Structures are given as C-alpha cells and as structure tokens.
C-alpha cells in the first residue's frame, strides 16, 4: 500500500470519527505527519454564528456603567468559543506565563489558550484583532464544544 493511499485512509477514518462523535475539529500527529480535520462553517463565519448565544451573558457587563472602564458595545464583543470538548489551559505549561491577560491587545491568529482533548493540545487562536475584554473560562477546568472562552473587543486599537 502506498503512503498516499494510507494517508487517504487515515483522513477518511478521522472524518468518520468527527461525524461519529459530533466533533468540530480533530488534529492528530503521528511520525512527523500532522493532520487536522474540521467540519462545519469556516473559521471566519464562527463569530457570527456564536454571537447570539453569548449575548445574554453580556447583560451584567452593561449594567456596570458606573465603572471607569471604557464603554464597549455588545456588537464589538466577539466571543472565542471552544471548538472541542476538553480541558482549558491559559498557559503552555503550569510554570509558564498565561498566553494572554484581560486588557491585552491580540492579533488575528495569535494563540490565546490551549484546549487538551484526548492527550492532544489544541491551540486556540484569536479570530480577530482586538483587546481581551473578558476571560470566561478557568484554567485546568473542563470546557464544552461551543462554550465561549474569551470576549474580544474588536473595536479596540493597540
């Protein structure tokens, strides 16, 4: 069996696992070959799809109008959701600094955290440029598929 034929079978198997377990993304690395399989909408469309479920959580933020923090409209807040079920980590290792803190400015594609699933570390990247408005998940705690992990103020500038 040729190597390309085996890779095709491996990819087909991963797609079947994705469907069977209703996963949005699966990444496997074996013998220097890394395969990432995603399904559903493109990464660019995710914020629009996830914006509605996250809005009810914004009401407590809106009520704190007396604070000195700059006012942010809920339309400017972009949720970054977990694409998989797993364990949320804010830093690459227990003794390392967190990837980001609230108030940090981030660029699209910048790593925000890691979600571990089935012994695989999945880096979660920012989908937009902006400032970390709120970190919604607690490090070392389980997260669900679609659970908002961060709110990013896309209207913020560096």
N, C-alpha and C. Protein backbone atom coordinates (compact mmCIF):
# COMPACT_ATOMS: atom_id res chain seq x y z
N UNK A 1 0.85 -1.18 0.00
CA UNK A 1 0.00 0.00 0.00
C UNK A 1 0.89 1.24 0.00
N UNK A 2 0.62 2.17 -0.91
CA UNK A 2 1.44 3.38 -0.98
C UNK A 2 1.15 4.29 0.21
N UNK A 3 2.12 5.15 0.49
CA UNK A 3 1.97 6.06 1.62
C UNK A 3 0.78 7.00 1.43
N UNK A 4 0.58 7.50 0.19
CA UNK A 4 -0.55 8.40 -0.09
C UNK A 4 -1.89 7.69 0.12
N UNK A 5 -1.96 6.43 -0.27
CA UNK A 5 -3.19 5.67 -0.08
C UNK A 5 -3.49 5.49 1.40
N UNK A 6 -2.44 5.25 2.21
CA UNK A 6 -2.62 5.10 3.66
C UNK A 6 -3.08 6.42 4.27
N UNK A 7 -2.48 7.54 3.83
CA UNK A 7 -2.88 8.85 4.34
C UNK A 7 -4.35 9.12 4.00
N UNK A 8 -4.77 8.76 2.80
CA UNK A 8 -6.17 8.92 2.42
C UNK A 8 -7.08 8.11 3.34
N UNK A 9 -6.69 6.89 3.66
CA UNK A 9 -7.49 6.06 4.56
C UNK A 9 -7.52 6.67 5.97
N UNK A 10 -6.36 7.19 6.41
CA UNK A 10 -6.29 7.82 7.74
C UNK A 10 -7.21 9.04 7.81
N UNK A 11 -7.19 9.86 6.78
CA UNK A 11 -8.04 11.05 6.74
C UNK A 11 -9.51 10.62 6.75
N UNK A 12 -9.84 9.63 5.95
CA UNK A 12 -11.23 9.13 5.92
C UNK A 12 -11.65 8.64 7.31
N UNK A 13 -10.75 7.94 7.99
CA UNK A 13 -11.04 7.45 9.35
C UNK A 13 -11.28 8.62 10.31
N UNK A 14 -10.44 9.67 10.19
CA UNK A 14 -10.62 10.85 11.06
C UNK A 14 -11.95 11.53 10.80
N UNK A 15 -12.33 11.64 9.54
CA UNK A 15 -13.62 12.25 9.20
C UNK A 15 -14.76 11.44 9.80
N UNK A 16 -14.66 10.12 9.75
CA UNK A 16 -15.68 9.27 10.35
C UNK A 16 -15.75 9.47 11.86
N UNK A 17 -14.58 9.58 12.53
CA UNK A 17 -14.56 9.85 13.97
C UNK A 17 -15.21 11.20 14.28
N UNK A 18 -14.93 12.19 13.44
CA UNK A 18 -15.50 13.52 13.60
C UNK A 18 -17.03 13.44 13.58
N UNK A 19 -17.55 12.73 12.60
CA UNK A 19 -19.01 12.58 12.47
C UNK A 19 -19.59 11.77 13.63
N UNK A 20 -18.96 10.63 13.91
CA UNK A 20 -19.47 9.71 14.93
C UNK A 20 -19.57 10.37 16.30
N UNK A 21 -18.57 11.19 16.65
CA UNK A 21 -18.53 11.82 17.98
C UNK A 21 -18.98 13.27 17.95
N UNK A 22 -19.53 13.71 16.81
CA UNK A 22 -20.05 15.07 16.65
C UNK A 22 -19.03 16.12 17.08
N UNK A 23 -17.82 16.02 16.54
CA UNK A 23 -16.74 16.97 16.83
C UNK A 23 -16.65 18.01 15.73
N UNK A 24 -16.18 19.20 16.08
CA UNK A 24 -15.99 20.25 15.10
C UNK A 24 -14.60 20.17 14.48
N UNK A 25 -13.64 19.66 15.25
CA UNK A 25 -12.26 19.62 14.78
C UNK A 25 -11.53 18.47 15.45
N UNK A 26 -10.61 17.89 14.72
CA UNK A 26 -9.79 16.80 15.24
C UNK A 26 -8.40 16.95 14.63
N UNK A 27 -7.38 16.89 15.47
CA UNK A 27 -6.00 17.00 14.99
C UNK A 27 -5.20 15.84 15.55
N UNK A 28 -4.42 15.20 14.66
CA UNK A 28 -3.60 14.06 15.05
C UNK A 28 -2.21 14.25 14.46
N UNK A 29 -1.20 13.91 15.26
CA UNK A 29 0.18 13.94 14.77
C UNK A 29 0.78 12.57 15.02
N UNK A 30 1.37 11.99 13.96
CA UNK A 30 1.97 10.66 14.08
C UNK A 30 3.16 10.58 13.13
N UNK A 31 4.31 10.23 13.67
CA UNK A 31 5.54 10.07 12.89
C UNK A 31 5.83 11.29 12.02
N UNK A 32 5.69 12.47 12.59
CA UNK A 32 6.00 13.71 11.88
C UNK A 32 4.92 14.19 10.93
N UNK A 33 3.83 13.47 10.79
CA UNK A 33 2.74 13.89 9.93
C UNK A 33 1.61 14.40 10.80
N UNK A 34 1.20 15.65 10.58
CA UNK A 34 0.11 16.25 11.34
C UNK A 34 -1.09 16.43 10.41
N UNK A 35 -2.24 15.92 10.87
CA UNK A 35 -3.48 16.03 10.11
C UNK A 35 -4.51 16.71 11.00
N UNK A 36 -5.12 17.78 10.47
CA UNK A 36 -6.20 18.47 11.18
C UNK A 36 -7.42 18.43 10.28
N UNK A 37 -8.53 17.94 10.83
CA UNK A 37 -9.78 17.84 10.10
C UNK A 37 -10.80 18.69 10.81
N UNK A 38 -11.46 19.57 10.05
CA UNK A 38 -12.51 20.42 10.60
C UNK A 38 -13.77 20.22 9.79
N UNK A 39 -14.89 20.44 10.44
CA UNK A 39 -16.15 20.40 9.71
C UNK A 39 -17.01 21.57 10.13
N UNK A 40 -18.07 21.78 9.39
CA UNK A 40 -18.97 22.89 9.71
C UNK A 40 -18.59 24.13 8.96
N UNK A 41 -18.87 25.28 9.57
CA UNK A 41 -18.64 26.56 8.93
C UNK A 41 -17.16 26.91 8.98
N UNK A 42 -16.76 27.83 8.12
CA UNK A 42 -15.36 28.27 8.11
C UNK A 42 -15.06 29.07 9.37
N UNK A 43 -13.78 29.20 9.69
CA UNK A 43 -13.37 29.93 10.90
C UNK A 43 -13.82 31.39 10.84
N UNK A 44 -13.89 31.97 9.63
CA UNK A 44 -14.31 33.37 9.50
C UNK A 44 -15.78 33.55 9.86
N UNK A 45 -16.59 32.50 9.71
CA UNK A 45 -18.02 32.62 9.98
C UNK A 45 -18.36 32.30 11.43
N UNK A 46 -17.45 31.73 12.19
CA UNK A 46 -17.74 31.31 13.56
C UNK A 46 -18.22 32.45 14.45
N UNK A 47 -17.58 33.65 14.45
CA UNK A 47 -18.06 34.69 15.35
C UNK A 47 -19.52 35.06 15.11
N UNK A 48 -19.96 35.10 13.87
CA UNK A 48 -21.34 35.47 13.59
C UNK A 48 -22.30 34.41 14.12
N UNK A 49 -21.94 33.16 14.00
CA UNK A 49 -22.79 32.08 14.46
C UNK A 49 -22.86 32.06 15.98
N UNK A 50 -21.74 32.33 16.65
CA UNK A 50 -21.69 32.22 18.10
C UNK A 50 -22.08 33.51 18.82
N UNK A 51 -22.27 34.59 18.11
CA UNK A 51 -22.55 35.87 18.75
C UNK A 51 -23.89 35.86 19.49
N UNK A 52 -24.91 35.25 18.94
CA UNK A 52 -26.22 35.27 19.57
C UNK A 52 -26.26 34.55 20.92
N UNK A 53 -25.74 33.31 21.04
CA UNK A 53 -25.82 32.65 22.34
C UNK A 53 -25.03 33.37 23.42
N UNK A 54 -23.98 34.10 23.07
CA UNK A 54 -23.15 34.75 24.07
C UNK A 54 -23.77 36.05 24.59
N UNK A 55 -24.69 36.65 23.88
CA UNK A 55 -25.23 37.95 24.26
C UNK A 55 -25.90 37.99 25.63
N UNK A 56 -26.67 37.00 26.05
CA UNK A 56 -27.27 37.10 27.37
C UNK A 56 -26.23 37.26 28.48
N UNK A 57 -25.06 36.72 28.32
CA UNK A 57 -24.01 36.85 29.34
C UNK A 57 -23.46 38.27 29.40
N UNK A 58 -23.78 39.10 28.43
CA UNK A 58 -23.25 40.46 28.40
C UNK A 58 -24.05 41.42 29.26
N UNK A 59 -25.26 41.07 29.63
CA UNK A 59 -26.10 41.99 30.40
C UNK A 59 -25.45 42.47 31.70
N UNK A 60 -24.82 41.61 32.49
CA UNK A 60 -24.17 42.10 33.71
C UNK A 60 -23.06 43.12 33.39
N UNK A 61 -22.39 42.95 32.27
CA UNK A 61 -21.35 43.91 31.89
C UNK A 61 -21.97 45.27 31.58
N UNK A 62 -23.11 45.25 30.90
CA UNK A 62 -23.76 46.50 30.53
C UNK A 62 -24.29 47.24 31.75
N UNK A 63 -24.70 46.51 32.79
CA UNK A 63 -25.26 47.13 33.98
C UNK A 63 -24.20 47.86 34.80
N UNK A 64 -22.95 47.52 34.64
CA UNK A 64 -21.89 48.16 35.42
C UNK A 64 -21.40 49.44 34.73
N UNK A 65 -22.33 50.30 34.34
CA UNK A 65 -21.99 51.53 33.63
C UNK A 65 -21.24 52.52 34.50
N UNK A 66 -21.27 52.39 35.81
CA UNK A 66 -20.59 53.31 36.70
C UNK A 66 -19.10 53.07 36.81
N UNK A 67 -18.58 52.00 36.20
CA UNK A 67 -17.16 51.71 36.31
C UNK A 67 -16.34 52.64 35.43
N UNK A 68 -15.04 52.71 35.71
CA UNK A 68 -14.15 53.60 34.96
C UNK A 68 -13.69 52.99 33.65
N UNK A 69 -14.02 51.75 33.39
CA UNK A 69 -13.60 51.09 32.15
C UNK A 69 -14.31 51.73 30.96
N UNK A 70 -13.64 51.78 29.80
CA UNK A 70 -14.29 52.36 28.62
C UNK A 70 -15.51 51.53 28.23
N UNK A 71 -16.52 52.21 27.74
CA UNK A 71 -17.76 51.53 27.38
C UNK A 71 -17.55 50.74 26.10
N UNK A 72 -18.00 49.50 26.11
CA UNK A 72 -17.88 48.61 24.95
C UNK A 72 -19.28 48.15 24.59
N UNK A 73 -19.66 48.30 23.33
CA UNK A 73 -20.97 47.83 22.91
C UNK A 73 -20.89 46.33 22.69
N UNK A 74 -22.02 45.65 22.89
CA UNK A 74 -22.04 44.20 22.72
C UNK A 74 -21.77 43.81 21.28
N UNK A 75 -22.03 44.71 20.32
CA UNK A 75 -21.75 44.41 18.91
C UNK A 75 -20.25 44.31 18.65
N UNK A 76 -19.44 45.01 19.44
CA UNK A 76 -17.99 44.99 19.25
C UNK A 76 -17.35 43.79 19.93
N UNK A 77 -18.08 43.11 20.82
CA UNK A 77 -17.51 41.97 21.54
C UNK A 77 -17.68 40.69 20.72
N UNK A 78 -16.55 40.07 20.42
CA UNK A 78 -16.54 38.85 19.62
C UNK A 78 -16.17 37.68 20.54
N UNK A 79 -17.06 36.71 20.69
CA UNK A 79 -16.72 35.56 21.52
C UNK A 79 -15.76 34.62 20.79
N UNK A 80 -14.83 34.05 21.52
CA UNK A 80 -13.98 32.98 21.00
C UNK A 80 -14.42 31.73 21.74
N UNK A 81 -14.98 30.79 21.00
CA UNK A 81 -15.55 29.60 21.60
C UNK A 81 -14.63 28.39 21.43
N UNK A 82 -14.79 27.43 22.31
CA UNK A 82 -14.02 26.20 22.21
C UNK A 82 -14.55 25.37 21.04
N UNK A 83 -13.67 24.97 20.13
CA UNK A 83 -14.12 24.16 19.00
C UNK A 83 -14.26 22.68 19.37
N UNK A 84 -13.87 22.33 20.61
CA UNK A 84 -13.89 20.94 21.03
C UNK A 84 -14.19 20.84 22.53
N UNK A 85 -14.54 19.66 22.97
CA UNK A 85 -14.68 19.37 24.39
C UNK A 85 -13.28 19.02 24.92
N UNK A 86 -12.91 19.58 26.05
CA UNK A 86 -11.59 19.27 26.60
C UNK A 86 -11.30 20.05 27.86
N UNK A 87 -10.02 20.15 28.19
CA UNK A 87 -9.57 20.89 29.37
C UNK A 87 -8.89 22.17 28.92
N UNK A 88 -9.31 23.29 29.50
CA UNK A 88 -8.82 24.63 29.14
C UNK A 88 -7.55 24.95 29.92
N UNK A 89 -6.54 25.42 29.21
CA UNK A 89 -5.29 25.87 29.85
C UNK A 89 -4.95 27.25 29.33
N UNK A 90 -4.69 28.19 30.25
CA UNK A 90 -4.32 29.55 29.86
C UNK A 90 -2.85 29.69 29.49
N UNK A 91 -2.02 28.71 29.87
CA UNK A 91 -0.59 28.79 29.58
C UNK A 91 -0.12 27.46 28.99
N UNK A 92 1.04 27.49 28.30
CA UNK A 92 1.53 26.26 27.67
C UNK A 92 2.01 25.21 28.67
N UNK A 93 2.37 25.63 29.88
CA UNK A 93 2.78 24.69 30.93
C UNK A 93 2.45 25.32 32.28
N UNK A 94 2.40 24.51 33.34
CA UNK A 94 2.00 25.05 34.65
C UNK A 94 2.88 26.18 35.17
N UNK A 95 4.16 26.18 34.83
CA UNK A 95 5.07 27.22 35.34
C UNK A 95 5.26 28.38 34.37
N UNK A 96 4.58 28.36 33.23
CA UNK A 96 4.72 29.42 32.22
C UNK A 96 3.68 30.51 32.44
N UNK A 97 3.98 31.70 31.92
CA UNK A 97 3.02 32.80 31.97
C UNK A 97 1.83 32.48 31.06
N UNK A 98 0.64 33.02 31.37
CA UNK A 98 -0.51 32.82 30.50
C UNK A 98 -0.26 33.41 29.11
N UNK A 99 -0.91 32.83 28.12
CA UNK A 99 -0.80 33.35 26.76
C UNK A 99 -1.27 34.80 26.71
N UNK A 100 -2.40 35.08 27.35
CA UNK A 100 -2.97 36.43 27.35
C UNK A 100 -3.60 36.74 28.70
N UNK A 101 -3.74 38.02 28.98
CA UNK A 101 -4.43 38.52 30.17
C UNK A 101 -5.55 39.45 29.72
N UNK A 102 -6.53 39.69 30.57
CA UNK A 102 -7.56 40.67 30.25
C UNK A 102 -6.89 42.02 30.03
N UNK A 103 -7.29 42.70 28.98
CA UNK A 103 -6.71 44.00 28.65
C UNK A 103 -5.61 43.92 27.61
N UNK A 104 -5.08 42.72 27.33
CA UNK A 104 -4.03 42.57 26.31
C UNK A 104 -4.63 42.78 24.93
N UNK A 105 -3.85 43.40 24.04
CA UNK A 105 -4.24 43.53 22.64
C UNK A 105 -3.72 42.30 21.90
N UNK A 106 -4.59 41.68 21.10
CA UNK A 106 -4.20 40.49 20.35
C UNK A 106 -4.44 40.69 18.86
N UNK A 107 -3.70 39.94 18.08
CA UNK A 107 -3.83 39.95 16.62
C UNK A 107 -4.55 38.69 16.18
N UNK A 108 -5.22 38.76 15.04
CA UNK A 108 -5.87 37.59 14.47
C UNK A 108 -4.80 36.51 14.27
N UNK A 109 -5.10 35.29 14.72
CA UNK A 109 -4.17 34.17 14.58
C UNK A 109 -3.26 33.97 15.78
N UNK A 110 -3.28 34.91 16.73
CA UNK A 110 -2.44 34.78 17.94
C UNK A 110 -3.04 33.72 18.86
N UNK A 111 -2.18 32.89 19.44
CA UNK A 111 -2.64 31.84 20.35
C UNK A 111 -3.14 32.48 21.64
N UNK A 112 -4.35 32.09 22.05
CA UNK A 112 -4.97 32.61 23.27
C UNK A 112 -4.91 31.62 24.42
N UNK A 113 -4.97 30.33 24.09
CA UNK A 113 -5.01 29.28 25.10
C UNK A 113 -4.81 27.94 24.43
N UNK A 114 -4.88 26.90 25.23
CA UNK A 114 -4.81 25.53 24.74
C UNK A 114 -6.00 24.78 25.31
N UNK A 115 -6.63 23.94 24.48
CA UNK A 115 -7.65 23.03 24.96
C UNK A 115 -7.14 21.61 24.69
N UNK A 116 -6.97 20.85 25.77
CA UNK A 116 -6.48 19.48 25.65
C UNK A 116 -7.67 18.54 25.48
N UNK A 117 -7.57 17.72 24.45
CA UNK A 117 -8.61 16.71 24.21
C UNK A 117 -7.92 15.42 23.80
N UNK A 118 -8.17 14.37 24.53
CA UNK A 118 -7.61 13.06 24.23
C UNK A 118 -6.08 13.12 24.09
N UNK A 119 -5.43 13.79 25.04
CA UNK A 119 -3.97 13.92 25.11
C UNK A 119 -3.38 14.77 23.99
N UNK A 120 -4.23 15.44 23.20
CA UNK A 120 -3.76 16.35 22.16
C UNK A 120 -3.97 17.78 22.62
N UNK A 121 -2.94 18.60 22.48
CA UNK A 121 -3.02 20.01 22.86
C UNK A 121 -3.42 20.81 21.62
N UNK A 122 -4.58 21.43 21.68
CA UNK A 122 -5.11 22.21 20.56
C UNK A 122 -5.00 23.69 20.88
N UNK A 123 -4.16 24.40 20.12
CA UNK A 123 -4.01 25.84 20.32
C UNK A 123 -5.23 26.55 19.77
N UNK A 124 -5.82 27.41 20.58
CA UNK A 124 -6.98 28.19 20.15
C UNK A 124 -6.48 29.59 19.83
N UNK A 125 -6.75 30.02 18.61
CA UNK A 125 -6.24 31.31 18.13
C UNK A 125 -7.35 32.34 18.08
N UNK A 126 -6.93 33.61 18.16
CA UNK A 126 -7.88 34.72 18.03
C UNK A 126 -8.40 34.77 16.60
N UNK A 127 -9.68 35.04 16.48
CA UNK A 127 -10.30 35.13 15.17
C UNK A 127 -10.32 36.56 14.66
N UNK A 128 -9.97 37.52 15.54
CA UNK A 128 -9.99 38.94 15.17
C UNK A 128 -8.86 39.68 15.88
N UNK A 129 -8.54 40.87 15.38
CA UNK A 129 -7.67 41.79 16.11
C UNK A 129 -8.53 42.48 17.16
N UNK A 130 -7.98 42.73 18.34
CA UNK A 130 -8.74 43.43 19.37
C UNK A 130 -8.13 43.27 20.74
N UNK A 131 -8.85 43.72 21.74
CA UNK A 131 -8.38 43.67 23.13
C UNK A 131 -9.19 42.61 23.89
N UNK A 132 -8.48 41.81 24.71
CA UNK A 132 -9.17 40.80 25.53
C UNK A 132 -10.03 41.55 26.55
N UNK A 133 -11.34 41.45 26.38
CA UNK A 133 -12.27 42.14 27.27
C UNK A 133 -12.52 41.30 28.52
N UNK A 134 -12.68 39.99 28.33
CA UNK A 134 -13.01 39.12 29.45
C UNK A 134 -12.54 37.70 29.15
N UNK A 135 -11.95 37.05 30.14
CA UNK A 135 -11.61 35.63 30.06
C UNK A 135 -12.72 34.88 30.79
N UNK A 136 -13.43 34.03 30.08
CA UNK A 136 -14.64 33.41 30.61
C UNK A 136 -14.45 32.01 31.17
N UNK A 137 -13.31 31.39 30.87
CA UNK A 137 -13.07 30.02 31.35
C UNK A 137 -11.95 30.03 32.38
N UNK A 138 -11.96 29.02 33.24
CA UNK A 138 -10.96 28.91 34.29
C UNK A 138 -9.93 27.85 33.89
N UNK A 139 -8.66 28.19 34.05
CA UNK A 139 -7.59 27.28 33.68
C UNK A 139 -7.69 25.96 34.43
N UNK A 140 -7.40 24.89 33.73
CA UNK A 140 -7.42 23.50 34.19
C UNK A 140 -8.84 22.95 34.39
N UNK A 141 -9.85 23.68 33.97
CA UNK A 141 -11.23 23.22 34.12
C UNK A 141 -11.76 22.74 32.77
N UNK A 142 -12.72 21.81 32.78
CA UNK A 142 -13.30 21.32 31.53
C UNK A 142 -14.11 22.41 30.81
N UNK A 143 -14.08 22.34 29.48
CA UNK A 143 -14.91 23.22 28.65
C UNK A 143 -15.67 22.36 27.65
N UNK A 144 -16.80 22.88 27.21
CA UNK A 144 -17.66 22.18 26.27
C UNK A 144 -17.49 22.73 24.87
N UNK A 145 -17.92 21.97 23.88
CA UNK A 145 -17.93 22.44 22.50
C UNK A 145 -18.83 23.68 22.41
N UNK A 146 -18.34 24.74 21.80
CA UNK A 146 -19.12 25.95 21.62
C UNK A 146 -19.14 26.88 22.82
N UNK A 147 -18.54 26.47 23.93
CA UNK A 147 -18.52 27.31 25.13
C UNK A 147 -17.62 28.53 24.90
N UNK A 148 -18.12 29.74 25.15
CA UNK A 148 -17.27 30.92 25.00
C UNK A 148 -16.12 30.90 26.01
N UNK A 149 -14.91 31.13 25.52
CA UNK A 149 -13.72 31.14 26.36
C UNK A 149 -13.23 32.56 26.63
N UNK A 150 -13.38 33.43 25.64
CA UNK A 150 -12.93 34.82 25.72
C UNK A 150 -13.95 35.72 25.05
N UNK A 151 -13.97 36.98 25.47
CA UNK A 151 -14.67 38.04 24.73
C UNK A 151 -13.58 39.01 24.28
N UNK A 152 -13.56 39.28 22.98
CA UNK A 152 -12.57 40.21 22.44
C UNK A 152 -13.29 41.43 21.90
N UNK A 153 -12.81 42.61 22.35
CA UNK A 153 -13.35 43.88 21.86
C UNK A 153 -12.70 44.18 20.54
N UNK A 154 -13.43 43.94 19.45
CA UNK A 154 -12.87 44.11 18.11
C UNK A 154 -12.77 45.58 17.71
N UNK A 155 -13.35 46.47 18.49
CA UNK A 155 -13.28 47.89 18.16
C UNK A 155 -12.04 48.56 18.79
N UNK A 156 -11.34 47.83 19.65
CA UNK A 156 -10.16 48.38 20.35
C UNK A 156 -8.98 48.49 19.40
N UNK A 157 -8.15 49.47 19.67
CA UNK A 157 -6.91 49.66 18.91
C UNK A 157 -5.72 49.54 19.85
N UNK A 158 -4.55 49.18 19.30
CA UNK A 158 -3.38 48.98 20.17
C UNK A 158 -2.94 50.20 20.92
